[in-house]
Amino acid sequence: MGKTNALLLGALLAARAVCGQSLEGVIDIHVHSAPDSTPRSIDAIDLARLAKARGMRGLVLKNHYESTAALAYVVRKEVPGIEIFGGIDLNRSVGGINPAAIERMVLMQGGWGRVIWMPTFDNENQVRYSKENRPFVAVSREGHLLPEVQEVIALAAKHTLTLETGHSSPEDGLLLVKEARRQGVQHVVVTHAMQAPVKMSIPQMREAAEAGAYIEFVYGGLIGRNPEFRIGDFTQAIRAVTPEWCILASDLGQPGNPLHPDGLAAFFAALRKEGFSQAEIDLMSKTNPARALGLE
């Protein structure tokens, strides 16, 4: 048995022994993996094999700095039997708010580039939150979305792509959600709405959901030496927004953190202890992600 296969088998057996939480049919819409310009714990092909072995339906590969549409094509070819999607994150490395980059992603062979993330680490909101003195990508000016942002939203509507708010401020996030609704975008997600630097309040999350956006909650916000949140914080927010408008994802792939399926299993187990039914967890981890990607 090769080293990679042994590691995957070990992870699979350990996860089953510890969690006992089924991942059958789950779609993780927030997956970081190698190859990347940032260190990652597992590459996309090995992760797809592991996720498939755990019964997962699909993954959305996210890279902050380049499109993952081509990577999704390769992973699907290497690991048939699991649905793999990619997307593009509008940071400076792809030209920022760059409609041309989206048009090119849509043309990528396979058509598996399905997601547009508004800027994340180069977002003006992120740069200001981090107190960095460097160039950033703006989404709005004086309370109005920039023309190029409106053009990107139009492309999401035209090509039936999923639009995510990235690391935008709550105010910009709500502008994006409402403009997307106005332009007829069918699938909108507020990226890890509670976490820094987004930090949406519960009323703001409810407002976004009422405008038709799914609200994402990620396991990455609950782990680490100084976790940003406790499971009770997520419970309160999900109950307020209602599971009908929430998506559970991992946002994993960082060295030292659990692998994505293990993190999801632990996330679901913690929510069960908080009183969520298996039907509610299935809605947030299977049905809603599928709907957000236009699969149902």
C-alpha atoms as a PDB file:
ATOM      1  CA  MET A   1       0.000   0.000   0.000  1.00  0.00           C
ATOM      2  CA  GLY A   2       1.400   3.427  -0.976  1.00  0.00           C
ATOM      3  CA  LYS A   3       2.086   6.092   1.608  1.00  0.00           C
ATOM      4  CA  THR A   4      -0.766   8.340   0.392  1.00  0.00           C
ATOM      5  CA  ASN A   5      -3.296   5.483   0.393  1.00  0.00           C
ATOM      6  CA  ALA A   6      -2.180   4.434   3.873  1.00  0.00           C
ATOM      7  CA  LEU A   7      -2.652   7.964   5.173  1.00  0.00           C
ATOM      8  CA  LEU A   8      -6.098   8.188   3.620  1.00  0.00           C
ATOM      9  CA  LEU A   9      -7.119   4.822   5.033  1.00  0.00           C
ATOM     10  CA  GLY A  10      -5.830   5.812   8.460  1.00  0.00           C
ATOM     11  CA  ALA A  11      -7.773   9.078   8.368  1.00  0.00           C
ATOM     12  CA  LEU A  12     -10.899   7.254   7.276  1.00  0.00           C
ATOM     13  CA  LEU A  13     -10.720   4.623  10.024  1.00  0.00           C
ATOM     14  CA  ALA A  14      -9.846   7.176  12.711  1.00  0.00           C
ATOM     15  CA  ALA A  15     -12.737   9.417  11.737  1.00  0.00           C
ATOM     16  CA  ARG A  16     -15.218   6.566  11.768  1.00  0.00           C
ATOM     17  CA  ALA A  17     -13.991   5.435  15.162  1.00  0.00           C
ATOM     18  CA  VAL A  18     -14.128   8.879  16.744  1.00  0.00           C
ATOM     19  CA  CYS A  19     -17.169  10.540  15.245  1.00  0.00           C
ATOM     20  CA  GLY A  20     -19.488   7.943  13.797  1.00  0.00           C
ATOM     21  CA  GLN A  21     -21.164  10.826  11.942  1.00  0.00           C
ATOM     22  CA  SER A  22     -22.341   9.999   8.440  1.00  0.00           C
ATOM     23  CA  LEU A  23     -21.283  12.347   5.654  1.00  0.00           C
ATOM     24  CA  GLU A  24     -23.334  10.599   2.986  1.00  0.00           C
ATOM     25  CA  GLY A  25     -24.501  13.203   0.459  1.00  0.00           C
ATOM     26  CA  VAL A  26     -22.731  16.171   2.088  1.00  0.00           C
ATOM     27  CA  ILE A  27     -21.358  18.988  -0.088  1.00  0.00           C
ATOM     28  CA  ASP A  28     -18.568  21.153   1.348  1.00  0.00           C
ATOM     29  CA  ILE A  29     -18.668  24.521  -0.444  1.00  0.00           C
ATOM     30  CA  HIS A  30     -15.568  25.971   1.262  1.00  0.00           C
ATOM     31  CA  VAL A  31     -12.504  23.796   0.651  1.00  0.00           C
ATOM     32  CA  HIS A  32      -8.846  24.854   0.684  1.00  0.00           C
ATOM     33  CA  SER A  33      -6.341  22.361  -0.700  1.00  0.00           C
ATOM     34  CA  ALA A  34      -3.026  22.045  -2.481  1.00  0.00           C
ATOM     35  CA  PRO A  35      -1.718  23.012  -4.942  1.00  0.00           C
ATOM     36  CA  ASP A  36      -1.791  26.545  -3.585  1.00  0.00           C
ATOM     37  CA  SER A  37       0.606  29.412  -2.976  1.00  0.00           C
ATOM     38  CA  THR A  38      -0.329  29.052   0.702  1.00  0.00           C
ATOM     39  CA  PRO A  39       0.603  25.881   2.651  1.00  0.00           C
ATOM     40  CA  ARG A  40      -2.222  23.325   2.702  1.00  0.00           C
ATOM     41  CA  SER A  41      -2.685  20.049   4.567  1.00  0.00           C
ATOM     42  CA  ILE A  42      -3.789  17.876   1.635  1.00  0.00           C
ATOM     43  CA  ASP A  43      -3.971  18.151  -2.132  1.00  0.00           C
ATOM     44  CA  ALA A  44      -7.243  18.284  -4.013  1.00  0.00           C
ATOM     45  CA  ILE A  45      -6.991  14.800  -5.522  1.00  0.00           C
ATOM     46  CA  ASP A  46      -6.263  13.079  -2.209  1.00  0.00           C
ATOM     47  CA  LEU A  47      -9.008  15.093  -0.543  1.00  0.00           C
ATOM     48  CA  ALA A  48     -11.501  14.072  -3.218  1.00  0.00           C
ATOM     49  CA  ARG A  49     -10.587  10.425  -2.649  1.00  0.00           C
ATOM     50  CA  LEU A  50     -11.049  10.809   1.092  1.00  0.00           C
ATOM     51  CA  ALA A  51     -14.342  12.674   0.721  1.00  0.00           C
ATOM     52  CA  LYS A  52     -15.640  10.062  -1.716  1.00  0.00           C
ATOM     53  CA  ALA A  53     -14.677   7.271   0.692  1.00  0.00           C
ATOM     54  CA  ARG A  54     -16.682   9.041   3.391  1.00  0.00           C
ATOM     55  CA  GLY A  55     -19.724   9.180   1.102  1.00  0.00           C
ATOM     56  CA  MET A  56     -19.650  12.916   0.400  1.00  0.00           C
ATOM     57  CA  ARG A  57     -21.422  14.182  -2.706  1.00  0.00           C
ATOM     58  CA  GLY A  58     -19.159  17.083  -3.581  1.00  0.00           C
ATOM     59  CA  LEU A  59     -16.566  19.761  -2.878  1.00  0.00           C
ATOM     60  CA  VAL A  60     -16.029  23.350  -3.985  1.00  0.00           C
ATOM     61  CA  LEU A  61     -12.304  24.078  -4.281  1.00  0.00           C
ATOM     62  CA  LYS A  62     -11.323  27.587  -3.216  1.00  0.00           C
ATOM     63  CA  ASN A  63      -8.053  29.390  -3.854  1.00  0.00           C
ATOM     64  CA  HIS A  64      -7.724  33.013  -2.787  1.00  0.00           C
ATOM     65  CA  TYR A  65      -5.400  33.893  -5.642  1.00  0.00           C
ATOM     66  CA  GLU A  66      -6.309  31.978  -8.804  1.00  0.00           C
ATOM     67  CA  SER A  67      -9.215  30.223 -10.472  1.00  0.00           C
ATOM     68  CA  THR A  68      -9.825  26.591  -9.538  1.00  0.00           C
ATOM     69  CA  ALA A  69     -11.980  25.744 -12.571  1.00  0.00           C
ATOM     70  CA  ALA A  70      -9.144  23.847 -14.287  1.00  0.00           C
ATOM     71  CA  LEU A  71      -8.241  22.053 -11.067  1.00  0.00           C
ATOM     72  CA  ALA A  72     -11.843  20.909 -10.690  1.00  0.00           C
ATOM     73  CA  TYR A  73     -11.663  19.383 -14.191  1.00  0.00           C
ATOM     74  CA  VAL A  74      -8.486  17.455 -13.340  1.00  0.00           C
ATOM     75  CA  VAL A  75      -9.791  16.207  -9.990  1.00  0.00           C
ATOM     76  CA  ARG A  76     -13.031  14.986 -11.564  1.00  0.00           C
ATOM     77  CA  LYS A  77     -10.986  13.033 -14.122  1.00  0.00           C
ATOM     78  CA  GLU A  78      -8.761  11.484 -11.451  1.00  0.00           C
ATOM     79  CA  VAL A  79     -11.539  10.791  -8.929  1.00  0.00           C
ATOM     80  CA  PRO A  80     -14.789   9.968 -10.711  1.00  0.00           C
ATOM     81  CA  GLY A  81     -17.896   9.546  -8.627  1.00  0.00           C
ATOM     82  CA  ILE A  82     -17.741  12.797  -6.639  1.00  0.00           C
ATOM     83  CA  GLU A  83     -18.867  16.238  -7.814  1.00  0.00           C
ATOM     84  CA  ILE A  84     -16.020  18.763  -7.803  1.00  0.00           C
ATOM     85  CA  PHE A  85     -16.492  22.450  -8.558  1.00  0.00           C
ATOM     86  CA  GLY A  86     -14.184  25.452  -8.724  1.00  0.00           C
ATOM     87  CA  GLY A  87     -14.486  29.196  -8.837  1.00  0.00           C
ATOM     88  CA  ILE A  88     -12.643  32.476  -8.851  1.00  0.00           C
ATOM     89  CA  ASP A  89     -11.817  34.806  -5.964  1.00  0.00           C
ATOM     90  CA  LEU A  90     -11.559  38.415  -7.132  1.00  0.00           C
ATOM     91  CA  ASN A  91      -8.349  39.396  -5.368  1.00  0.00           C
ATOM     92  CA  ARG A  92      -5.562  41.449  -6.926  1.00  0.00           C
ATOM     93  CA  SER A  93      -3.807  38.400  -8.420  1.00  0.00           C
ATOM     94  CA  VAL A  94      -6.660  37.954 -10.926  1.00  0.00           C
ATOM     95  CA  GLY A  95      -7.063  41.676 -11.532  1.00  0.00           C
ATOM     96  CA  GLY A  96      -9.464  42.410  -8.709  1.00  0.00           C
ATOM     97  CA  ILE A  97     -13.045  43.018  -9.804  1.00  0.00           C
ATOM     98  CA  ASN A  98     -12.280  41.698 -13.269  1.00  0.00           C
ATOM     99  CA  PRO A  99     -15.211  40.673 -15.499  1.00  0.00           C
ATOM    100  CA  ALA A 100     -12.785  39.362 -18.144  1.00  0.00           C
ATOM    101  CA  ALA A 101     -11.379  36.813 -15.683  1.00  0.00           C
ATOM    102  CA  ILE A 102     -14.897  35.536 -15.006  1.00  0.00           C
ATOM    103  CA  GLU A 103     -15.692  35.235 -18.696  1.00  0.00           C
ATOM    104  CA  ARG A 104     -12.518  33.181 -19.160  1.00  0.00           C
ATOM    105  CA  MET A 105     -13.353  30.962 -16.176  1.00  0.00           C
ATOM    106  CA  VAL A 106     -16.766  30.224 -17.646  1.00  0.00           C
ATOM    107  CA  LEU A 107     -15.070  29.036 -20.852  1.00  0.00           C
ATOM    108  CA  MET A 108     -12.760  26.621 -19.029  1.00  0.00           C
ATOM    109  CA  GLN A 109     -13.141  23.061 -20.283  1.00  0.00           C
ATOM    110  CA  GLY A 110     -15.668  21.065 -18.284  1.00  0.00           C
ATOM    111  CA  GLY A 111     -17.662  24.081 -17.126  1.00  0.00           C
ATOM    112  CA  TRP A 112     -16.935  23.306 -13.473  1.00  0.00           C
ATOM    113  CA  GLY A 113     -16.114  26.893 -12.514  1.00  0.00           C
ATOM    114  CA  ARG A 114     -19.348  27.723 -10.712  1.00  0.00           C
ATOM    115  CA  VAL A 115     -18.544  30.257  -7.974  1.00  0.00           C
ATOM    116  CA  ILE A 116     -17.521  33.919  -7.865  1.00  0.00           C
ATOM    117  CA  TRP A 117     -16.147  35.105  -4.535  1.00  0.00           C
ATOM    118  CA  MET A 118     -15.924  38.821  -4.022  1.00  0.00           C
ATOM    119  CA  PRO A 119     -12.417  39.764  -2.797  1.00  0.00           C
ATOM    120  CA  THR A 120     -11.219  38.079   0.363  1.00  0.00           C
ATOM    121  CA  PHE A 121      -7.719  38.920   1.635  1.00  0.00           C
ATOM    122  CA  ASP A 122      -7.373  41.896  -0.721  1.00  0.00           C
ATOM    123  CA  ASN A 123     -10.829  43.206   0.113  1.00  0.00           C
ATOM    124  CA  GLU A 124     -10.777  46.777   1.408  1.00  0.00           C
ATOM    125  CA  ASN A 125     -12.646  45.580   4.493  1.00  0.00           C
ATOM    126  CA  GLN A 126     -10.010  42.915   5.206  1.00  0.00           C
ATOM    127  CA  VAL A 127      -7.051  45.240   4.656  1.00  0.00           C
ATOM    128  CA  ARG A 128      -8.509  47.900   6.944  1.00  0.00           C
ATOM    129  CA  TYR A 129      -9.476  45.319   9.587  1.00  0.00           C
ATOM    130  CA  SER A 130      -5.930  43.924   9.535  1.00  0.00           C
ATOM    131  CA  LYS A 131      -4.513  47.479   9.770  1.00  0.00           C
ATOM    132  CA  GLU A 132      -2.319  46.861   6.730  1.00  0.00           C
ATOM    133  CA  ASN A 133      -0.878  49.592   4.540  1.00  0.00           C
ATOM    134  CA  ARG A 134      -1.130  48.072   1.076  1.00  0.00           C
ATOM    135  CA  PRO A 135      -3.277  48.152  -2.049  1.00  0.00           C
ATOM    136  CA  PHE A 136      -6.777  46.740  -1.746  1.00  0.00           C
ATOM    137  CA  VAL A 137      -9.806  45.940  -3.880  1.00  0.00           C
ATOM    138  CA  ALA A 138     -12.856  48.099  -3.207  1.00  0.00           C
ATOM    139  CA  VAL A 139     -16.420  46.862  -3.631  1.00  0.00           C
ATOM    140  CA  SER A 140     -18.275  50.115  -3.019  1.00  0.00           C
ATOM    141  CA  ARG A 141     -17.807  53.825  -2.741  1.00  0.00           C
ATOM    142  CA  GLU A 142     -19.981  56.146  -0.642  1.00  0.00           C
ATOM    143  CA  GLY A 143     -22.583  53.460  -0.084  1.00  0.00           C
ATOM    144  CA  HIS A 144     -22.921  52.393  -3.725  1.00  0.00           C
ATOM    145  CA  LEU A 145     -21.481  49.355  -5.475  1.00  0.00           C
ATOM    146  CA  LEU A 146     -18.829  50.151  -8.055  1.00  0.00           C
ATOM    147  CA  PRO A 147     -19.831  49.808 -11.730  1.00  0.00           C
ATOM    148  CA  GLU A 148     -17.443  46.900 -12.252  1.00  0.00           C
ATOM    149  CA  VAL A 149     -19.037  45.087  -9.300  1.00  0.00           C
ATOM    150  CA  GLN A 150     -22.442  45.525 -10.876  1.00  0.00           C
ATOM    151  CA  GLU A 151     -20.985  44.087 -14.101  1.00  0.00           C
ATOM    152  CA  VAL A 152     -19.705  41.040 -12.208  1.00  0.00           C
ATOM    153  CA  ILE A 153     -23.136  40.522 -10.687  1.00  0.00           C
ATOM    154  CA  ALA A 154     -24.642  40.702 -14.174  1.00  0.00           C
ATOM    155  CA  LEU A 155     -22.240  37.954 -15.294  1.00  0.00           C
ATOM    156  CA  ALA A 156     -23.279  35.786 -12.342  1.00  0.00           C
ATOM    157  CA  ALA A 157     -26.887  36.164 -13.469  1.00  0.00           C
ATOM    158  CA  LYS A 158     -26.068  35.556 -17.144  1.00  0.00           C
ATOM    159  CA  HIS A 159     -24.067  32.373 -16.533  1.00  0.00           C
ATOM    160  CA  THR A 160     -26.091  31.092 -13.538  1.00  0.00           C
ATOM    161  CA  LEU A 161     -23.061  31.281 -11.258  1.00  0.00           C
ATOM    162  CA  THR A 162     -23.056  31.300  -7.474  1.00  0.00           C
ATOM    163  CA  LEU A 163     -22.111  34.715  -6.046  1.00  0.00           C
ATOM    164  CA  GLU A 164     -20.382  34.827  -2.653  1.00  0.00           C
ATOM    165  CA  THR A 165     -19.674  37.981  -0.675  1.00  0.00           C
ATOM    166  CA  GLY A 166     -16.081  37.102   0.304  1.00  0.00           C
ATOM    167  CA  HIS A 167     -14.580  39.217   3.080  1.00  0.00           C
ATOM    168  CA  SER A 168     -16.814  42.195   2.390  1.00  0.00           C
ATOM    169  CA  SER A 169     -18.102  44.335   5.231  1.00  0.00           C
ATOM    170  CA  PRO A 170     -21.651  43.699   6.444  1.00  0.00           C
ATOM    171  CA  GLU A 171     -22.768  46.854   4.672  1.00  0.00           C
ATOM    172  CA  ASP A 172     -21.132  45.855   1.378  1.00  0.00           C
ATOM    173  CA  GLY A 173     -22.405  42.315   1.801  1.00  0.00           C
ATOM    174  CA  LEU A 174     -25.974  43.519   2.041  1.00  0.00           C
ATOM    175  CA  LEU A 175     -25.484  45.790  -0.980  1.00  0.00           C
ATOM    176  CA  LEU A 176     -24.202  42.776  -2.926  1.00  0.00           C
ATOM    177  CA  VAL A 177     -27.054  40.519  -1.867  1.00  0.00           C
ATOM    178  CA  LYS A 178     -29.725  43.055  -2.747  1.00  0.00           C
ATOM    179  CA  GLU A 179     -28.165  43.977  -6.093  1.00  0.00           C
ATOM    180  CA  ALA A 180     -27.803  40.304  -6.933  1.00  0.00           C
ATOM    181  CA  ARG A 181     -31.479  39.817  -6.225  1.00  0.00           C
ATOM    182  CA  ARG A 182     -32.355  42.854  -8.361  1.00  0.00           C
ATOM    183  CA  GLN A 183     -30.324  41.515 -11.277  1.00  0.00           C
ATOM    184  CA  GLY A 184     -31.757  38.018 -11.019  1.00  0.00           C
ATOM    185  CA  VAL A 185     -28.818  36.068  -9.586  1.00  0.00           C
ATOM    186  CA  GLN A 186     -30.318  32.792  -8.425  1.00  0.00           C
ATOM    187  CA  HIS A 187     -27.630  31.632  -5.983  1.00  0.00           C
ATOM    188  CA  VAL A 188     -26.050  33.926  -3.365  1.00  0.00           C
ATOM    189  CA  VAL A 189     -24.036  33.038  -0.254  1.00  0.00           C
ATOM    190  CA  VAL A 190     -22.749  35.292   2.524  1.00  0.00           C
ATOM    191  CA  THR A 191     -19.260  33.914   3.138  1.00  0.00           C
ATOM    192  CA  HIS A 192     -18.668  32.902   6.819  1.00  0.00           C
ATOM    193  CA  ALA A 193     -20.948  35.715   7.872  1.00  0.00           C
ATOM    194  CA  MET A 194     -20.071  35.810  11.576  1.00  0.00           C
ATOM    195  CA  GLN A 195     -16.302  35.632  11.303  1.00  0.00           C
ATOM    196  CA  ALA A 196     -13.785  38.433  11.085  1.00  0.00           C
ATOM    197  CA  PRO A 197     -13.474  40.555   9.081  1.00  0.00           C
ATOM    198  CA  VAL A 198     -17.103  40.133   7.974  1.00  0.00           C
ATOM    199  CA  LYS A 199     -18.718  40.179  11.421  1.00  0.00           C
ATOM    200  CA  MET A 200     -22.359  40.393  10.414  1.00  0.00           C
ATOM    201  CA  SER A 201     -24.752  40.809  13.294  1.00  0.00           C
ATOM    202  CA  ILE A 202     -27.718  38.480  13.640  1.00  0.00           C
ATOM    203  CA  PRO A 203     -30.124  41.187  12.370  1.00  0.00           C
ATOM    204  CA  GLN A 204     -27.872  41.706   9.340  1.00  0.00           C
ATOM    205  CA  MET A 205     -27.741  37.961   8.660  1.00  0.00           C
ATOM    206  CA  ARG A 206     -31.516  37.812   8.872  1.00  0.00           C
ATOM    207  CA  GLU A 207     -31.767  40.748   6.464  1.00  0.00           C
ATOM    208  CA  ALA A 208     -29.464  38.991   3.990  1.00  0.00           C
ATOM    209  CA  ALA A 209     -31.469  35.778   4.248  1.00  0.00           C
ATOM    210  CA  GLU A 210     -34.718  37.668   3.743  1.00  0.00           C
ATOM    211  CA  ALA A 211     -33.187  39.040   0.532  1.00  0.00           C
ATOM    212  CA  GLY A 212     -32.533  35.495  -0.665  1.00  0.00           C
ATOM    213  CA  ALA A 213     -28.964  34.725   0.435  1.00  0.00           C
ATOM    214  CA  TYR A 214     -27.715  31.637   2.219  1.00  0.00           C
ATOM    215  CA  ILE A 215     -25.681  32.325   5.355  1.00  0.00           C
ATOM    216  CA  GLU A 216     -22.517  30.241   5.671  1.00  0.00           C
ATOM    217  CA  PHE A 217     -21.180  28.885   8.976  1.00  0.00           C
ATOM    218  CA  VAL A 218     -17.768  27.197   8.906  1.00  0.00           C
ATOM    219  CA  TYR A 219     -16.086  24.798  11.294  1.00  0.00           C
ATOM    220  CA  GLY A 220     -12.832  26.741  10.965  1.00  0.00           C
ATOM    221  CA  GLY A 221     -14.315  29.438  13.176  1.00  0.00           C
ATOM    222  CA  LEU A 222     -14.626  27.029  16.098  1.00  0.00           C
ATOM    223  CA  ILE A 223     -11.092  25.635  16.297  1.00  0.00           C
ATOM    224  CA  GLY A 224      -7.545  26.729  17.017  1.00  0.00           C
ATOM    225  CA  ARG A 225      -5.786  27.938  20.139  1.00  0.00           C
ATOM    226  CA  ASN A 226      -8.095  30.920  20.465  1.00  0.00           C
ATOM    227  CA  PRO A 227     -11.267  30.074  18.543  1.00  0.00           C
ATOM    228  CA  GLU A 228     -13.295  33.044  17.448  1.00  0.00           C
ATOM    229  CA  PHE A 229     -16.578  31.416  18.425  1.00  0.00           C
ATOM    230  CA  ARG A 230     -18.083  28.635  20.489  1.00  0.00           C
ATOM    231  CA  ILE A 231     -20.701  26.272  19.154  1.00  0.00           C
ATOM    232  CA  GLY A 232     -23.343  28.071  21.214  1.00  0.00           C
ATOM    233  CA  ASP A 233     -22.683  31.279  19.263  1.00  0.00           C
ATOM    234  CA  PHE A 234     -23.374  29.477  15.999  1.00  0.00           C
ATOM    235  CA  THR A 235     -26.427  27.812  17.489  1.00  0.00           C
ATOM    236  CA  GLN A 236     -27.942  31.144  18.455  1.00  0.00           C
ATOM    237  CA  ALA A 237     -27.328  32.625  15.011  1.00  0.00           C
ATOM    238  CA  ILE A 238     -28.562  29.602  13.066  1.00  0.00           C
ATOM    239  CA  ARG A 239     -31.739  29.455  15.127  1.00  0.00           C
ATOM    240  CA  ALA A 240     -32.322  33.159  14.492  1.00  0.00           C
ATOM    241  CA  VAL A 241     -31.712  32.902  10.740  1.00  0.00           C
ATOM    242  CA  THR A 242     -33.372  29.422  10.600  1.00  0.00           C
ATOM    243  CA  PRO A 243     -31.714  26.333   9.076  1.00  0.00           C
ATOM    244  CA  GLU A 244     -33.682  26.923   5.863  1.00  0.00           C
ATOM    245  CA  TRP A 245     -31.227  29.720   5.024  1.00  0.00           C
ATOM    246  CA  CYS A 246     -27.985  28.340   6.457  1.00  0.00           C
ATOM    247  CA  ILE A 247     -25.099  26.345   4.996  1.00  0.00           C
ATOM    248  CA  LEU A 248     -22.522  24.377   6.988  1.00  0.00           C
ATOM    249  CA  ALA A 249     -19.017  24.169   5.496  1.00  0.00           C
ATOM    250  CA  SER A 250     -15.498  23.418   6.671  1.00  0.00           C
ATOM    251  CA  ASP A 251     -13.168  26.255   5.521  1.00  0.00           C
ATOM    252  CA  LEU A 252     -10.384  23.778   6.302  1.00  0.00           C
ATOM    253  CA  GLY A 253      -7.126  22.814   4.636  1.00  0.00           C
ATOM    254  CA  GLN A 254      -4.712  24.669   6.925  1.00  0.00           C
ATOM    255  CA  PRO A 255      -1.751  22.658   8.252  1.00  0.00           C
ATOM    256  CA  GLY A 256      -2.462  21.480  11.796  1.00  0.00           C
ATOM    257  CA  ASN A 257      -6.240  21.591  11.442  1.00  0.00           C
ATOM    258  CA  PRO A 258      -8.435  18.522  10.937  1.00  0.00           C
ATOM    259  CA  LEU A 259      -8.974  17.322   7.399  1.00  0.00           C
ATOM    260  CA  HIS A 260     -12.214  18.539   5.885  1.00  0.00           C
ATOM    261  CA  PRO A 261     -14.398  15.418   6.365  1.00  0.00           C
ATOM    262  CA  ASP A 262     -13.202  15.027   9.956  1.00  0.00           C
ATOM    263  CA  GLY A 263     -13.943  18.659  10.686  1.00  0.00           C
ATOM    264  CA  LEU A 264     -17.409  18.413   9.200  1.00  0.00           C
ATOM    265  CA  ALA A 265     -18.173  15.261  11.199  1.00  0.00           C
ATOM    266  CA  ALA A 266     -17.100  16.997  14.411  1.00  0.00           C
ATOM    267  CA  PHE A 267     -19.121  20.101  13.446  1.00  0.00           C
ATOM    268  CA  PHE A 268     -22.281  18.080  12.875  1.00  0.00           C
ATOM    269  CA  ALA A 269     -21.800  16.109  16.086  1.00  0.00           C
ATOM    270  CA  ALA A 270     -21.448  19.357  18.069  1.00  0.00           C
ATOM    271  CA  LEU A 271     -24.631  20.740  16.513  1.00  0.00           C
ATOM    272  CA  ARG A 272     -26.497  17.539  17.390  1.00  0.00           C
ATOM    273  CA  LYS A 273     -25.480  18.087  21.016  1.00  0.00           C
ATOM    274  CA  GLU A 274     -26.899  21.607  20.728  1.00  0.00           C
ATOM    275  CA  GLY A 275     -30.288  20.155  19.833  1.00  0.00           C
ATOM    276  CA  PHE A 276     -30.285  20.296  16.038  1.00  0.00           C
ATOM    277  CA  SER A 277     -32.023  17.355  14.412  1.00  0.00           C
ATOM    278  CA  GLN A 278     -30.353  15.211  11.768  1.00  0.00           C
ATOM    279  CA  ALA A 279     -32.922  16.547   9.307  1.00  0.00           C
ATOM    280  CA  GLU A 280     -31.824  20.119  10.042  1.00  0.00           C
ATOM    281  CA  ILE A 281     -28.149  19.217   9.652  1.00  0.00           C
ATOM    282  CA  ASP A 282     -28.928  17.447   6.375  1.00  0.00           C
ATOM    283  CA  LEU A 283     -30.767  20.529   5.154  1.00  0.00           C
ATOM    284  CA  MET A 284     -27.775  22.767   5.925  1.00  0.00           C
ATOM    285  CA  SER A 285     -25.052  20.407   4.696  1.00  0.00           C
ATOM    286  CA  LYS A 286     -26.704  18.629   1.757  1.00  0.00           C
ATOM    287  CA  THR A 287     -29.837  20.326   0.426  1.00  0.00           C
ATOM    288  CA  ASN A 288     -28.876  23.980   0.808  1.00  0.00           C
ATOM    289  CA  PRO A 289     -25.335  23.616  -0.619  1.00  0.00           C
ATOM    290  CA  ALA A 290     -26.796  21.746  -3.593  1.00  0.00           C
ATOM    291  CA  ARG A 291     -29.332  24.509  -4.127  1.00  0.00           C
ATOM    292  CA  ALA A 292     -26.627  27.171  -3.763  1.00  0.00           C
ATOM    293  CA  LEU A 293     -24.711  25.503  -6.588  1.00  0.00           C
ATOM    294  CA  GLY A 294     -27.788  25.114  -8.784  1.00  0.00           C
ATOM    295  CA  LEU A 295     -27.815  21.322  -8.457  1.00  0.00           C
ATOM    296  CA  GLU A 296     -31.401  21.106  -7.196  1.00  0.00           C
END
